Amino acid sequence: MDKAMQAAMQQVSLERAHMVAVRASFGAALHSAENDERAYGDFYGACADYLEFIMERFHAQDQASLDMLRAKVPKDNIDAHRLIDNIDATFDTSREEIEKLVDAMKRFKAEGLAGQKTFEQAGRAYVDYCKTQLSKIKHSLRPLSEEYITPEEFDRSSFVTPNSIKREQELFARVGDALPEGVPFKVEIEPQKWSSERLRQKKAE
C-alpha cells in the first residue's frame, strides 16, 4: 500500500473519530442544558457546522462504497444485496435528519436566545437518531467492503484532498474552542485497515 493511500485511510479514520467525539460532546451539552440556564449557542453552532460538513463527506464516501458493492457483489448473494439496499435507505434517512438539524440551527441563529430550547429539541432528536439507527450499521458493511473493495478504490472514494483536510481541521478546532466548561470532549481513533492476507489477494487478482 503506498503512502498516499495509507494517508487517506488514516484521515478517514481520524475524521470519523472526530465526528463521534463532536456528536458525543454535543449530546452531553444538550443533556446539561436540561438542568441549567447557560447559553450554549456558540458551541451548538460549532457542532452543527461540523456535523453538517462531516456528514456530507461521510454520505458521499458511503454512497460510493454502496455503489461499488452493488456492482461487484454477485447478484445471487441475496442477503448481501438486501443489506446494501437497507443501508442505502438508512443513508437517505440520515441525510434527512442532518438537514433537520441544520434547518433548526438556521432558525436558532435568526431567533437568538429565544430559539435555544427549540433547537435543543431538534438536537436531542438528532443525537437519539444516531444512537438508535446509525449505530446499528456501524460495522455491517465492513466484511463486504474488505472482500470486494480494494484499498485503491477506497482511496478514490474517500474524497480526501488538501482542502477537505484543512476545512475539517478548522471546523473541528472551532468545536474545541467553543467547548463549554464541564462538557467532555474525547477522541478515540479506530484504525481503518485491510488485512495483510486480503491485500496479498488483491495484488494477485
Protein backbone atom coordinates (compact mmCIF):
# COMPACT_ATOMS: atom_id res chain seq x y z
CA MET A 1 0.00 0.00 0.00
CA ASP A 2 1.52 3.34 -1.00
CA LYS A 3 1.87 6.26 1.40
CA ALA A 4 -0.86 8.38 -0.20
CA MET A 5 -3.37 5.56 0.09
CA GLN A 6 -2.42 4.89 3.70
CA ALA A 7 -2.71 8.59 4.48
CA ALA A 8 -6.24 8.67 3.04
CA MET A 9 -7.27 5.72 5.21
CA GLN A 10 -5.80 7.36 8.29
CA GLN A 11 -7.56 10.63 7.51
CA VAL A 12 -10.93 8.90 7.15
CA SER A 13 -10.41 7.15 10.49
CA LEU A 14 -9.45 10.45 12.09
CA GLU A 15 -12.49 12.24 10.69
CA ARG A 16 -14.84 9.52 11.88
CA ALA A 17 -13.29 9.67 15.34
CA HIS A 18 -13.69 13.44 15.34
CA MET A 19 -17.34 13.10 14.32
CA VAL A 20 -18.04 10.66 17.16
CA ALA A 21 -16.33 13.00 19.64
CA VAL A 22 -18.27 16.05 18.43
CA ARG A 23 -21.58 14.20 18.48
CA ALA A 24 -20.90 12.86 21.99
CA SER A 25 -19.97 16.32 23.31
CA PHE A 26 -22.99 17.83 21.57
CA GLY A 27 -25.19 15.26 23.29
CA ALA A 28 -23.53 15.92 26.65
CA ALA A 29 -24.14 19.67 26.31
CA LEU A 30 -27.77 19.06 25.39
CA HIS A 31 -28.12 16.90 28.49
CA SER A 32 -26.52 19.56 30.69
CA ALA A 33 -28.84 22.18 29.24
CA GLU A 34 -31.80 20.34 30.74
CA ASN A 35 -30.53 21.27 34.20
CA ASP A 36 -29.04 24.75 33.81
CA GLU A 37 -29.67 28.03 32.05
CA ARG A 38 -26.29 28.51 30.38
CA ALA A 39 -26.21 29.82 26.83
CA TYR A 40 -24.62 27.15 24.66
CA GLY A 41 -25.24 28.96 21.37
CA ASP A 42 -21.64 29.23 20.15
CA PHE A 43 -20.96 25.59 20.93
CA TYR A 44 -24.19 24.42 19.34
CA GLY A 45 -23.34 26.41 16.23
CA ALA A 46 -19.84 24.95 16.01
CA CYS A 47 -21.21 21.41 16.43
CA ALA A 48 -23.93 21.90 13.84
CA ASP A 49 -21.46 23.34 11.31
CA TYR A 50 -19.06 20.45 11.87
CA LEU A 51 -21.73 17.77 11.68
CA GLU A 52 -23.19 19.27 8.51
CA PHE A 53 -19.78 19.27 6.83
CA ILE A 54 -18.64 15.86 8.01
CA MET A 55 -21.90 14.04 7.38
CA GLU A 56 -21.94 15.34 3.81
CA ARG A 57 -18.48 13.82 3.39
CA PHE A 58 -19.45 10.53 5.00
CA HIS A 59 -22.61 10.24 2.95
CA ALA A 60 -20.56 10.74 -0.22
CA GLN A 61 -17.98 8.17 0.88
CA ASP A 62 -20.54 5.62 1.97
CA GLN A 63 -22.65 6.10 -1.14
CA ALA A 64 -19.61 5.47 -3.31
CA SER A 65 -18.91 2.27 -1.37
CA LEU A 66 -22.51 1.12 -1.68
CA ASP A 67 -22.49 1.76 -5.42
CA MET A 68 -19.29 -0.25 -5.85
CA LEU A 69 -20.62 -3.11 -3.74
CA ARG A 70 -23.90 -3.19 -5.61
CA ALA A 71 -21.96 -3.58 -8.86
CA LYS A 72 -19.41 -6.08 -7.55
CA VAL A 73 -21.30 -8.42 -5.23
CA PRO A 74 -22.72 -11.38 -7.18
CA LYS A 75 -26.43 -10.99 -7.89
CA ASP A 76 -27.19 -14.38 -6.38
CA ASN A 77 -25.94 -13.19 -2.99
CA ILE A 78 -29.43 -12.16 -1.97
CA ASP A 79 -28.60 -11.45 1.66
CA ALA A 80 -25.74 -9.12 0.76
CA HIS A 81 -27.85 -7.14 -1.71
CA ARG A 82 -30.67 -6.89 0.83
CA LEU A 83 -28.16 -5.48 3.33
CA ILE A 84 -26.89 -2.99 0.76
CA ASP A 85 -30.42 -1.84 -0.04
CA ASN A 86 -31.32 -1.50 3.64
CA ILE A 87 -28.21 0.56 4.39
CA ASP A 88 -28.85 2.72 1.33
CA ALA A 89 -32.31 3.51 2.70
CA THR A 90 -30.82 4.29 6.10
CA PHE A 91 -28.42 6.75 4.49
CA ASP A 92 -31.35 8.51 2.82
CA THR A 93 -32.94 8.96 6.25
CA SER A 94 -29.62 10.10 7.70
CA ARG A 95 -29.43 12.87 5.10
CA GLU A 96 -32.92 13.99 6.07
CA GLU A 97 -32.04 14.01 9.77
CA ILE A 98 -28.92 16.16 9.38
CA GLU A 99 -30.92 18.57 7.20
CA LYS A 100 -33.42 18.93 10.06
CA LEU A 101 -30.59 19.81 12.45
CA VAL A 102 -29.11 22.33 10.02
CA ASP A 103 -32.52 23.95 9.46
CA ALA A 104 -33.05 24.15 13.22
CA MET A 105 -29.69 25.89 13.63
CA LYS A 106 -30.62 28.43 10.95
CA ARG A 107 -33.80 29.23 12.87
CA PHE A 108 -31.83 29.46 16.12
CA LYS A 109 -29.38 31.93 14.60
CA ALA A 110 -32.28 34.03 13.33
CA GLU A 111 -34.19 34.00 16.64
CA GLY A 112 -31.28 34.28 19.07
CA LEU A 113 -31.53 33.00 22.65
CA ALA A 114 -35.30 32.82 22.37
CA GLY A 115 -34.86 29.90 19.98
CA GLN A 116 -32.38 27.89 22.03
CA LYS A 117 -34.90 25.49 23.59
CA THR A 118 -36.43 24.71 20.21
CA PHE A 119 -33.01 23.99 18.75
CA GLU A 120 -32.15 21.78 21.71
CA GLN A 121 -35.23 19.67 21.00
CA ALA A 122 -34.04 19.19 17.41
CA GLY A 123 -30.51 18.44 18.64
CA ARG A 124 -31.71 15.76 21.04
CA ALA A 125 -33.79 14.18 18.28
CA TYR A 126 -30.72 14.03 16.03
CA VAL A 127 -28.47 12.54 18.70
CA ASP A 128 -31.12 9.97 19.57
CA TYR A 129 -31.49 9.03 15.90
CA CYS A 130 -27.74 8.49 15.58
CA LYS A 131 -27.65 6.33 18.70
CA THR A 132 -30.61 4.14 17.76
CA GLN A 133 -30.25 3.89 13.98
CA LEU A 134 -26.79 4.74 12.64
CA SER A 135 -25.03 2.77 15.36
CA LYS A 136 -26.73 -0.40 14.13
CA ILE A 137 -24.96 -0.26 10.77
CA LYS A 138 -21.54 0.90 12.01
CA HIS A 139 -19.68 -2.26 11.03
CA SER A 140 -22.26 -4.11 8.94
CA LEU A 141 -20.62 -3.29 5.60
CA ARG A 142 -17.06 -3.97 6.71
CA PRO A 143 -16.93 -7.68 5.68
CA LEU A 144 -18.27 -6.90 2.21
CA SER A 145 -16.00 -3.89 1.83
CA GLU A 146 -12.91 -5.87 2.77
CA GLU A 147 -13.86 -8.58 0.31
CA TYR A 148 -14.86 -6.52 -2.72
CA ILE A 149 -13.35 -3.03 -2.40
CA THR A 150 -9.64 -2.61 -2.94
CA PRO A 151 -7.54 -0.11 -0.97
CA GLU A 152 -7.07 1.79 -4.24
CA GLU A 153 -10.82 2.08 -4.68
CA PHE A 154 -11.19 3.14 -1.06
CA ASP A 155 -8.61 5.85 -1.67
CA ARG A 156 -10.53 7.21 -4.66
CA SER A 157 -13.87 7.14 -2.88
CA SER A 158 -12.56 8.78 0.29
CA PHE A 159 -12.54 12.21 -1.42
CA VAL A 160 -9.64 13.25 0.81
CA THR A 161 -7.94 16.38 -0.54
CA PRO A 162 -5.73 19.07 1.00
CA ASN A 163 -8.75 21.40 1.01
CA SER A 164 -11.02 18.86 2.70
CA ILE A 165 -8.39 18.19 5.37
CA LYS A 166 -7.92 21.91 6.03
CA ARG A 167 -11.65 22.56 6.28
CA GLU A 168 -12.22 19.62 8.61
CA GLN A 169 -9.41 20.78 10.87
CA GLU A 170 -10.83 24.31 11.00
CA LEU A 171 -14.35 23.18 11.89
CA PHE A 172 -13.14 20.65 14.44
CA ALA A 173 -10.95 23.27 16.11
CA ARG A 174 -13.97 25.58 16.37
CA VAL A 175 -15.80 22.92 18.36
CA GLY A 176 -12.90 22.62 20.79
CA ASP A 177 -12.58 26.38 21.11
CA ALA A 178 -16.28 26.75 21.96
CA LEU A 179 -16.41 23.79 24.34
CA PRO A 180 -18.35 24.72 27.50
CA GLU A 181 -16.78 24.09 30.88
CA GLY A 182 -17.60 20.64 32.17
CA VAL A 183 -18.57 19.14 28.82
CA PRO A 184 -16.39 16.12 27.92
CA PHE A 185 -14.53 16.02 24.61
CA LYS A 186 -12.61 12.83 23.87
CA VAL A 187 -11.30 11.45 20.58
CA GLU A 188 -10.81 7.70 20.18
CA ILE A 189 -9.40 6.62 16.83
CA GLU A 190 -10.38 3.29 15.32
CA PRO A 191 -7.89 2.29 12.58
CA GLN A 192 -9.16 1.83 9.03
CA LYS A 193 -7.35 -1.21 7.77
CA TRP A 194 -7.29 -4.10 5.36
CA SER A 195 -5.86 -7.43 6.45
CA SER A 196 -2.44 -8.31 5.06
CA GLU A 197 -3.91 -11.52 3.64
CA ARG A 198 -6.59 -9.59 1.78
CA LEU A 199 -4.02 -7.16 0.39
CA ARG A 200 -1.97 -10.07 -0.96
CA GLN A 201 -5.08 -11.50 -2.59
CA LYS A 202 -5.88 -8.18 -4.21
CA LYS A 203 -2.39 -7.90 -5.66
CA ALA A 204 -2.68 -11.39 -7.11
CA GLU A 205 -6.05 -10.71 -8.79
